[in-house]
Amino acid sequence: MPRPVRQIRAAHDERTITVYQAFSPEIAGPAAELGSFPAAFNRERMTWIKPSFLWMMYRSDWGRSAGQERVLAVTIRRQGFEWALGQAELSGYEAELHRSRQEWRRAVRRAPARVQWDPERNLALQPQRCRSLQLGLRGEAVERYLDEWIERIEDVSALAERVRLERDAALLPAERPYPLPAELAARIGADG
């Protein structure tokens, strides 16, 4: 059976899910060392978390983009992740999910979280048919992420470089379908 187009795939267990972000060494170093983000982290802007390791590799060019030289695996509580999904609006208008463009625009301005579905990537960082979730957090969602949801932060920059050089799928984090309650799947336009 073919993989659903819009499906969250992630490393997760019964309590947590791992998401990825890339930062400058000034943010990532202290975050990995302390297990929380330092005061230099800007709480006022939207921050995007990505359950897909390969999508983060694409976005950060394997941790080689300016300001994204260090890749972090952030393990957060599923309860928080699902709260954010439940508060999220899609980044783009979709007629089958929104009553009108105007209503969608109002909802996006108010929402503390935003969902975007982008093409998943393979080991060569080429786009795939299936989509990968990006979850943007702002306002209350950023505060909860930083102060309540984080269980641990690990610097996986060395892993990113090793995967880039070896192109060995066996090195990738084990990502599997994330079980979404039906109402959350419908809210964010997920297929399964």
Protein backbone atom coordinates (compact mmCIF):
# COMPACT_ATOMS: atom_id res chain seq x y z
CA MET A 1 0.00 0.00 0.00
CA PRO A 2 1.46 3.42 -0.92
CA ARG A 3 2.50 5.80 1.83
CA PRO A 4 -0.07 8.55 2.50
CA VAL A 5 0.91 11.90 1.00
CA ARG A 6 0.43 13.93 4.19
CA GLN A 7 1.56 11.83 7.12
CA ILE A 8 3.65 12.77 10.13
CA ARG A 9 6.61 10.41 10.38
CA ALA A 10 8.86 10.85 13.38
CA ALA A 11 10.96 9.22 16.04
CA HIS A 12 8.54 8.88 18.93
CA ASP A 13 7.53 6.75 21.87
CA GLU A 14 4.41 6.70 24.04
CA ARG A 15 5.35 10.00 25.77
CA THR A 16 7.64 11.94 23.44
CA ILE A 17 8.38 12.92 19.86
CA THR A 18 11.69 14.12 18.46
CA VAL A 19 11.76 17.23 16.30
CA TYR A 20 14.68 18.98 14.64
CA GLN A 21 15.91 22.54 14.46
CA ALA A 22 19.16 24.11 13.27
CA PHE A 23 20.82 27.13 14.84
CA SER A 24 24.05 29.04 15.09
CA PRO A 25 26.62 27.66 17.52
CA GLU A 26 25.77 30.51 19.93
CA ILE A 27 22.25 29.13 20.40
CA ALA A 28 22.79 25.41 19.76
CA GLY A 29 25.86 24.93 21.97
CA PRO A 30 24.28 26.16 25.20
CA ALA A 31 20.94 24.50 24.34
CA ALA A 32 22.55 21.07 23.97
CA GLU A 33 24.71 21.59 27.04
CA LEU A 34 21.90 22.85 29.30
CA GLY A 35 18.97 20.90 27.85
CA SER A 36 17.07 24.16 27.35
CA PHE A 37 17.37 27.13 25.05
CA PRO A 38 19.51 30.05 26.27
CA ALA A 39 18.34 33.63 26.77
CA ALA A 40 19.74 34.47 23.32
CA PHE A 41 16.89 32.45 21.75
CA ASN A 42 14.35 34.94 20.36
CA ARG A 43 10.99 34.09 21.89
CA GLU A 44 9.28 36.84 19.89
CA ARG A 45 9.61 35.27 16.46
CA MET A 46 8.07 32.15 14.99
CA THR A 47 10.20 29.05 15.43
CA TRP A 48 9.72 26.01 13.19
CA ILE A 49 10.09 22.43 14.40
CA LYS A 50 10.41 19.52 12.00
CA PRO A 51 9.78 15.84 12.80
CA SER A 52 11.65 14.77 9.64
CA PHE A 53 15.43 14.51 9.94
CA LEU A 54 15.92 14.60 6.16
CA TRP A 55 13.71 17.64 5.73
CA MET A 56 15.86 19.41 8.33
CA MET A 57 18.94 18.34 6.37
CA TYR A 58 17.43 19.89 3.26
CA ARG A 59 16.44 23.09 5.07
CA SER A 60 19.87 23.53 6.70
CA ASP A 61 21.96 22.06 3.85
CA TRP A 62 23.23 19.35 6.19
CA GLY A 63 23.99 21.97 8.87
CA ARG A 64 26.12 24.05 6.50
CA SER A 65 23.80 27.06 5.99
CA ALA A 66 24.73 30.32 7.71
CA GLY A 67 23.03 30.52 11.10
CA GLN A 68 22.10 26.81 10.91
CA GLU A 69 25.49 25.20 11.43
CA ARG A 70 24.37 23.05 14.36
CA VAL A 71 21.48 20.62 14.11
CA LEU A 72 19.55 19.80 17.26
CA ALA A 73 17.28 16.84 18.01
CA VAL A 74 14.75 18.19 20.51
CA THR A 75 12.72 15.57 22.35
CA ILE A 76 9.40 17.06 23.45
CA ARG A 77 6.26 15.79 25.14
CA ARG A 78 3.64 14.45 22.77
CA GLN A 79 0.98 16.18 24.83
CA GLY A 80 2.53 19.55 23.93
CA PHE A 81 3.05 18.63 20.28
CA GLU A 82 -0.59 17.62 19.97
CA TRP A 83 -1.72 20.77 21.79
CA ALA A 84 0.12 22.82 19.16
CA LEU A 85 -1.45 20.82 16.32
CA GLY A 86 -4.86 21.41 17.88
CA GLN A 87 -4.23 25.17 17.90
CA ALA A 88 -2.65 25.28 14.45
CA GLU A 89 -3.90 26.67 11.21
CA LEU A 90 -2.59 25.64 7.81
CA SER A 91 -0.11 28.00 6.15
CA GLY A 92 -2.19 27.99 3.00
CA TYR A 93 -5.88 28.26 2.26
CA GLU A 94 -7.58 24.97 1.33
CA ALA A 95 -11.19 25.14 0.17
CA GLU A 96 -12.04 21.69 1.58
CA LEU A 97 -10.87 22.73 5.07
CA HIS A 98 -11.80 26.43 5.26
CA ARG A 99 -15.14 28.15 4.74
CA SER A 100 -13.54 31.16 3.05
CA ARG A 101 -10.17 32.79 2.40
CA GLN A 102 -11.15 35.64 4.70
CA GLU A 103 -11.98 33.27 7.57
CA TRP A 104 -8.68 31.41 6.98
CA ARG A 105 -6.69 34.70 7.06
CA ARG A 106 -8.28 35.70 10.37
CA ALA A 107 -7.62 32.27 11.86
CA VAL A 108 -3.94 32.29 10.77
CA ARG A 109 -3.38 35.70 12.38
CA ARG A 110 -4.80 34.46 15.71
CA ALA A 111 -3.31 30.97 15.82
CA PRO A 112 -0.25 30.30 18.02
CA ALA A 113 0.83 27.52 15.64
CA ARG A 114 1.02 27.00 11.89
CA VAL A 115 1.20 23.79 9.88
CA GLN A 116 2.96 23.57 6.56
CA TRP A 117 3.29 20.45 4.41
CA ASP A 118 6.44 20.43 2.28
CA PRO A 119 7.87 17.71 0.03
CA GLU A 120 9.73 15.07 2.05
CA ARG A 121 13.33 14.52 0.98
CA ASN A 122 15.42 11.45 0.25
CA LEU A 123 19.10 10.92 1.05
CA ALA A 124 20.06 13.01 -1.99
CA LEU A 125 17.67 15.71 -0.65
CA GLN A 126 15.49 15.34 -3.72
CA PRO A 127 11.76 16.07 -3.24
CA GLN A 128 9.46 13.08 -2.78
CA ARG A 129 5.75 12.59 -3.51
CA CYS A 130 4.87 12.46 0.17
CA ARG A 131 4.83 15.56 2.35
CA SER A 132 6.61 16.34 5.60
CA LEU A 133 5.14 18.42 8.41
CA GLN A 134 6.69 21.69 9.54
CA LEU A 135 5.14 23.15 12.68
CA GLY A 136 5.59 26.86 13.31
CA LEU A 137 5.23 28.08 16.88
CA ARG A 138 4.72 31.64 18.09
CA GLY A 139 3.41 33.45 21.13
CA GLU A 140 1.92 31.05 23.67
CA ALA A 141 3.10 28.01 21.68
CA VAL A 142 6.75 29.18 21.78
CA GLU A 143 6.50 29.80 25.53
CA ARG A 144 5.04 26.34 26.16
CA TYR A 145 7.62 24.70 23.87
CA LEU A 146 10.54 26.34 25.64
CA ASP A 147 9.25 26.16 29.21
CA GLU A 148 7.10 23.01 29.41
CA TRP A 149 7.53 20.51 26.58
CA ILE A 150 11.26 19.94 26.19
CA GLU A 151 12.57 16.71 27.70
CA ARG A 152 16.10 16.84 26.22
CA ILE A 153 18.17 18.47 23.50
CA GLU A 154 20.94 16.67 21.65
CA ASP A 155 23.38 18.10 19.12
CA VAL A 156 23.21 15.77 16.10
CA SER A 157 25.47 17.82 13.83
CA ALA A 158 28.05 15.02 13.65
CA LEU A 159 25.32 12.59 12.60
CA ALA A 160 24.16 15.04 9.92
CA GLU A 161 27.68 15.24 8.50
CA ARG A 162 28.13 11.46 8.61
CA VAL A 163 24.84 10.86 6.78
CA ARG A 164 25.79 13.53 4.22
CA LEU A 165 29.12 11.87 3.50
CA GLU A 166 28.07 8.21 3.65
CA ARG A 167 24.50 8.47 2.30
CA ASP A 168 23.63 5.39 4.36
CA ALA A 169 19.93 5.08 5.24
CA ALA A 170 20.83 2.81 8.16
CA LEU A 171 22.27 5.87 9.94
CA LEU A 172 18.98 7.78 9.85
CA PRO A 173 16.84 8.13 12.97
CA ALA A 174 14.03 5.55 12.98
CA GLU A 175 10.98 7.54 11.90
CA ARG A 176 7.60 5.86 11.73
CA PRO A 177 4.01 7.06 11.32
CA TYR A 178 2.85 9.20 14.21
CA PRO A 179 -0.63 8.16 15.41
CA LEU A 180 -2.86 11.22 15.20
CA PRO A 181 -6.33 11.40 16.70
CA ALA A 182 -8.86 11.73 13.84
CA GLU A 183 -9.89 15.28 14.80
CA LEU A 184 -6.27 16.48 14.73
CA ALA A 185 -5.61 14.77 11.41
CA ALA A 186 -8.67 16.50 9.92
CA ARG A 187 -7.66 19.88 11.37
CA ILE A 188 -4.20 19.84 9.80
CA GLY A 189 -5.17 18.11 6.56
CA ALA A 190 -3.24 14.91 7.29
CA ASP A 191 -3.99 11.75 5.31
CA GLY A 192 -3.10 9.30 8.02
